[in-house]
Protein backbone atom coordinates (compact mmCIF):
# COMPACT_ATOMS: atom_id res chain seq x y z
CA MET A 1 2.61 -13.17 -17.00
CA PHE A 2 1.10 -11.13 -14.24
CA VAL A 3 -0.81 -7.90 -13.78
CA VAL A 4 0.87 -6.11 -10.87
CA SER A 5 -0.80 -3.13 -9.20
CA ILE A 6 1.49 -0.82 -7.22
CA ILE A 7 1.09 2.41 -5.26
CA ASP A 8 3.78 4.78 -6.61
CA ASP A 9 3.98 8.27 -5.08
CA GLY A 10 0.29 8.09 -4.16
CA ASP A 11 -0.85 6.96 -7.61
CA GLU A 12 -1.84 3.46 -8.69
CA ARG A 13 0.32 2.01 -11.47
CA ASN A 14 -0.43 -1.26 -13.25
CA PHE A 15 2.15 -3.36 -15.06
CA VAL A 16 1.86 -6.41 -17.29
CA ALA A 17 4.89 -8.21 -15.93
CA THR A 18 6.74 -10.96 -17.75
CA ASP A 19 8.84 -11.65 -14.65
CA LEU A 20 8.75 -10.69 -11.00
CA ARG A 21 10.96 -11.38 -8.02
CA VAL A 22 10.39 -10.72 -4.34
CA ASP A 23 13.40 -10.30 -2.06
CA HIS A 24 14.03 -8.60 1.31
CA GLY A 25 10.93 -6.40 1.25
CA ASP A 26 11.33 -5.36 -2.40
CA ILE A 27 9.66 -6.50 -5.59
CA LEU A 28 11.42 -6.38 -8.95
CA ILE A 29 9.02 -6.28 -11.91
CA GLU A 30 10.04 -6.71 -15.53
CA ALA A 31 7.50 -5.15 -17.91
CA GLY A 32 8.05 -4.15 -21.52
CA GLY A 33 11.71 -5.13 -21.27
CA VAL A 34 12.29 -2.62 -18.43
CA ARG A 35 12.93 -3.51 -14.79
CA HIS A 36 11.09 -1.61 -12.05
CA LEU A 37 11.93 -1.84 -8.34
CA PHE A 38 9.32 -1.10 -5.65
CA ARG A 39 8.80 -1.77 -1.96
CA LEU A 40 6.76 -4.89 -1.35
CA ALA A 41 4.56 -2.87 1.03
CA ASP A 42 3.39 -0.81 -1.99
CA VAL A 43 1.92 -3.84 -3.81
CA ILE A 44 -1.86 -3.70 -4.12
CA ASP A 45 -2.38 -6.98 -5.99
CA ILE A 46 -0.68 -9.52 -8.26
CA VAL A 47 -2.91 -11.43 -10.66
CA PRO A 48 -1.59 -14.24 -12.89
CA ILE A 49 -2.83 -14.09 -16.50
CA GLY A 50 -2.56 -16.28 -19.56
CA LYS A 51 -2.62 -20.01 -20.19
CA GLU A 52 -0.60 -20.87 -17.09
CA ARG A 53 -2.98 -19.10 -14.70
CA ALA A 54 -4.56 -22.20 -13.13
CA GLU A 55 -1.26 -23.95 -12.46
CA ILE A 56 0.37 -20.84 -10.98
CA ALA A 57 -2.59 -19.86 -8.81
CA ARG A 58 -2.66 -23.27 -7.11
CA SER A 59 1.09 -23.56 -6.64
CA PRO A 60 2.13 -23.38 -2.96
CA ALA A 61 5.50 -21.91 -4.03
CA PHE A 62 3.73 -19.02 -5.76
CA ARG A 63 1.63 -18.26 -2.68
CA CYS A 64 4.76 -18.28 -0.52
CA ARG A 65 6.52 -15.78 -2.79
CA LEU A 66 3.60 -13.37 -2.46
CA VAL A 67 3.58 -13.56 1.32
CA SER A 68 7.30 -13.40 2.03
């Protein structure tokens, strides 16, 4: 899981995401069983949470997804 902070129409929104995907300048966030689509440029921060945090944070693949 991740906490994802987004700028949406000038306001900050925070999601507890169970899944996220980055593709072609967009980010798709699934939170509460609902999918939300935003521009990647509007992402403030993505923070991994939960038991898997250490493994995800050190994963080169995860870092690449955030940058691309």
